[in-house]
Amino acid sequence: MKGKWFHILNIIVLVIISAVGVLGWFGNAMSQVTYPSINFAISTTFVWWGIFYLIQSLKKQNTWRTVWFLISLGALSYWMAGDGASVYNFFSG
């Protein structure tokens, strides 16, 4: 992943998680009970994306950029699929 492709793919991922996050926030707001764990999971997804983007930008070899991009895809999808809310519920009691 050189130059432009590195940024384009990460921006595409950001747009996708933004769209999914907006839908999640809308669904959470429209339900009868608002769950703070969903808000936590959605907001920390962007923090995780920023951390992974920083790690990828610090790596100069294309192999490591690709590996970290794939790791970020897996971690972000797992986090948004419910693990973020589970972590919040675990620590908040």
C-alpha atoms as a PDB file:
ATOM      1  CA  MET A   1       0.000   0.000   0.000  1.00  0.00           C
ATOM      2  CA  LYS A   2       1.862   2.981  -1.250  1.00  0.00           C
ATOM      3  CA  GLY A   3       0.998   6.625  -0.769  1.00  0.00           C
ATOM      4  CA  LYS A   4      -2.434   7.275  -2.215  1.00  0.00           C
ATOM      5  CA  TRP A   5      -3.806   3.748  -1.766  1.00  0.00           C
ATOM      6  CA  PHE A   6      -2.862   3.740   1.886  1.00  0.00           C
ATOM      7  CA  HIS A   7      -4.868   6.908   2.504  1.00  0.00           C
ATOM      8  CA  ILE A   8      -7.755   6.016   0.172  1.00  0.00           C
ATOM      9  CA  LEU A   9      -8.377   2.632   1.805  1.00  0.00           C
ATOM     10  CA  ASN A  10      -8.247   4.100   5.292  1.00  0.00           C
ATOM     11  CA  ILE A  11     -10.626   6.907   4.348  1.00  0.00           C
ATOM     12  CA  ILE A  12     -13.025   4.325   2.863  1.00  0.00           C
ATOM     13  CA  VAL A  13     -12.930   2.429   6.165  1.00  0.00           C
ATOM     14  CA  LEU A  14     -13.563   5.703   8.025  1.00  0.00           C
ATOM     15  CA  VAL A  15     -16.583   6.474   5.836  1.00  0.00           C
ATOM     16  CA  ILE A  16     -17.978   2.965   6.394  1.00  0.00           C
ATOM     17  CA  ILE A  17     -17.590   3.094  10.178  1.00  0.00           C
ATOM     18  CA  SER A  18     -19.074   6.601  10.154  1.00  0.00           C
ATOM     19  CA  ALA A  19     -22.149   5.387   8.284  1.00  0.00           C
ATOM     20  CA  VAL A  20     -22.560   2.357  10.545  1.00  0.00           C
ATOM     21  CA  GLY A  21     -21.982   4.548  13.601  1.00  0.00           C
ATOM     22  CA  VAL A  22     -24.659   7.031  12.544  1.00  0.00           C
ATOM     23  CA  LEU A  23     -27.114   4.193  12.003  1.00  0.00           C
ATOM     24  CA  GLY A  24     -26.212   2.747  15.404  1.00  0.00           C
ATOM     25  CA  TRP A  25     -26.630   6.086  17.148  1.00  0.00           C
ATOM     26  CA  PHE A  26     -29.937   6.679  15.389  1.00  0.00           C
ATOM     27  CA  GLY A  27     -31.204   3.247  16.369  1.00  0.00           C
ATOM     28  CA  ASN A  28     -30.052   3.751  19.943  1.00  0.00           C
ATOM     29  CA  ALA A  29     -31.719   7.168  20.130  1.00  0.00           C
ATOM     30  CA  MET A  30     -34.992   5.908  18.667  1.00  0.00           C
ATOM     31  CA  SER A  31     -35.308   2.973  21.061  1.00  0.00           C
ATOM     32  CA  GLN A  32     -37.288   3.287  24.275  1.00  0.00           C
ATOM     33  CA  VAL A  33     -34.189   2.674  26.354  1.00  0.00           C
ATOM     34  CA  THR A  34     -30.904   4.321  25.415  1.00  0.00           C
ATOM     35  CA  TYR A  35     -27.881   2.178  26.187  1.00  0.00           C
ATOM     36  CA  PRO A  36     -24.674   4.058  27.061  1.00  0.00           C
ATOM     37  CA  SER A  37     -22.654   0.982  26.103  1.00  0.00           C
ATOM     38  CA  ILE A  38     -23.630   1.475  22.446  1.00  0.00           C
ATOM     39  CA  ASN A  39     -22.535   5.120  22.573  1.00  0.00           C
ATOM     40  CA  PHE A  40     -19.237   4.030  24.131  1.00  0.00           C
ATOM     41  CA  ALA A  41     -18.636   1.378  21.471  1.00  0.00           C
ATOM     42  CA  ILE A  42     -19.378   3.742  18.600  1.00  0.00           C
ATOM     43  CA  SER A  43     -17.290   6.628  19.916  1.00  0.00           C
ATOM     44  CA  THR A  44     -14.286   4.479  20.788  1.00  0.00           C
ATOM     45  CA  THR A  45     -14.380   2.934  17.313  1.00  0.00           C
ATOM     46  CA  PHE A  46     -13.092   6.238  15.965  1.00  0.00           C
ATOM     47  CA  VAL A  47     -10.334   6.293  18.587  1.00  0.00           C
ATOM     48  CA  TRP A  48      -9.282   2.776  17.543  1.00  0.00           C
ATOM     49  CA  TRP A  49      -9.358   3.805  13.876  1.00  0.00           C
ATOM     50  CA  GLY A  50      -7.083   6.763  14.666  1.00  0.00           C
ATOM     51  CA  ILE A  51      -4.641   4.565  16.574  1.00  0.00           C
ATOM     52  CA  PHE A  52      -4.480   2.027  13.749  1.00  0.00           C
ATOM     53  CA  TYR A  53      -4.087   4.809  11.167  1.00  0.00           C
ATOM     54  CA  LEU A  54      -1.178   6.258  13.165  1.00  0.00           C
ATOM     55  CA  ILE A  55       0.491   2.848  13.427  1.00  0.00           C
ATOM     56  CA  GLN A  56       0.086   2.299   9.682  1.00  0.00           C
ATOM     57  CA  SER A  57       1.477   5.725   8.826  1.00  0.00           C
ATOM     58  CA  LEU A  58       4.547   5.153  10.986  1.00  0.00           C
ATOM     59  CA  LYS A  59       5.414   1.935   9.149  1.00  0.00           C
ATOM     60  CA  LYS A  60       7.430   2.486   5.991  1.00  0.00           C
ATOM     61  CA  GLN A  61       7.337  -1.022   4.536  1.00  0.00           C
ATOM     62  CA  ASN A  62       4.320  -1.924   2.447  1.00  0.00           C
ATOM     63  CA  THR A  63       4.131  -5.359   4.028  1.00  0.00           C
ATOM     64  CA  TRP A  64       3.665  -3.960   7.520  1.00  0.00           C
ATOM     65  CA  ARG A  65       1.156  -1.383   6.311  1.00  0.00           C
ATOM     66  CA  THR A  66      -0.894  -4.121   4.693  1.00  0.00           C
ATOM     67  CA  VAL A  67      -0.693  -6.343   7.782  1.00  0.00           C
ATOM     68  CA  TRP A  68      -1.757  -3.511  10.084  1.00  0.00           C
ATOM     69  CA  PHE A  69      -4.559  -2.552   7.699  1.00  0.00           C
ATOM     70  CA  LEU A  70      -5.921  -6.101   7.816  1.00  0.00           C
ATOM     71  CA  ILE A  71      -5.544  -6.197  11.602  1.00  0.00           C
ATOM     72  CA  SER A  72      -7.438  -2.912  11.854  1.00  0.00           C
ATOM     73  CA  LEU A  73     -10.264  -4.248   9.668  1.00  0.00           C
ATOM     74  CA  GLY A  74     -10.632  -7.309  11.878  1.00  0.00           C
ATOM     75  CA  ALA A  75     -10.353  -5.415  15.153  1.00  0.00           C
ATOM     76  CA  LEU A  76     -12.745  -2.636  14.143  1.00  0.00           C
ATOM     77  CA  SER A  77     -15.380  -5.018  12.829  1.00  0.00           C
ATOM     78  CA  TYR A  78     -15.130  -7.141  15.986  1.00  0.00           C
ATOM     79  CA  TRP A  79     -15.330  -4.029  18.180  1.00  0.00           C
ATOM     80  CA  MET A  80     -18.369  -2.667  16.356  1.00  0.00           C
ATOM     81  CA  ALA A  81     -20.094  -6.058  16.260  1.00  0.00           C
ATOM     82  CA  GLY A  82     -20.585  -6.013  20.011  1.00  0.00           C
ATOM     83  CA  ASP A  83     -17.291  -6.341  21.836  1.00  0.00           C
ATOM     84  CA  GLY A  84     -17.139  -2.602  22.551  1.00  0.00           C
ATOM     85  CA  ALA A  85     -20.476  -2.718  24.355  1.00  0.00           C
ATOM     86  CA  SER A  86     -19.411  -5.894  26.181  1.00  0.00           C
ATOM     87  CA  VAL A  87     -16.239  -4.202  27.450  1.00  0.00           C
ATOM     88  CA  TYR A  88     -18.283  -1.237  28.680  1.00  0.00           C
ATOM     89  CA  ASN A  89     -20.761  -3.514  30.433  1.00  0.00           C
ATOM     90  CA  PHE A  90     -17.937  -5.534  32.010  1.00  0.00           C
ATOM     91  CA  PHE A  91     -16.241  -2.503  33.542  1.00  0.00           C
ATOM     92  CA  SER A  92     -19.358  -0.567  34.481  1.00  0.00           C
ATOM     93  CA  GLY A  93     -20.827  -3.468  36.387  1.00  0.00           C
END
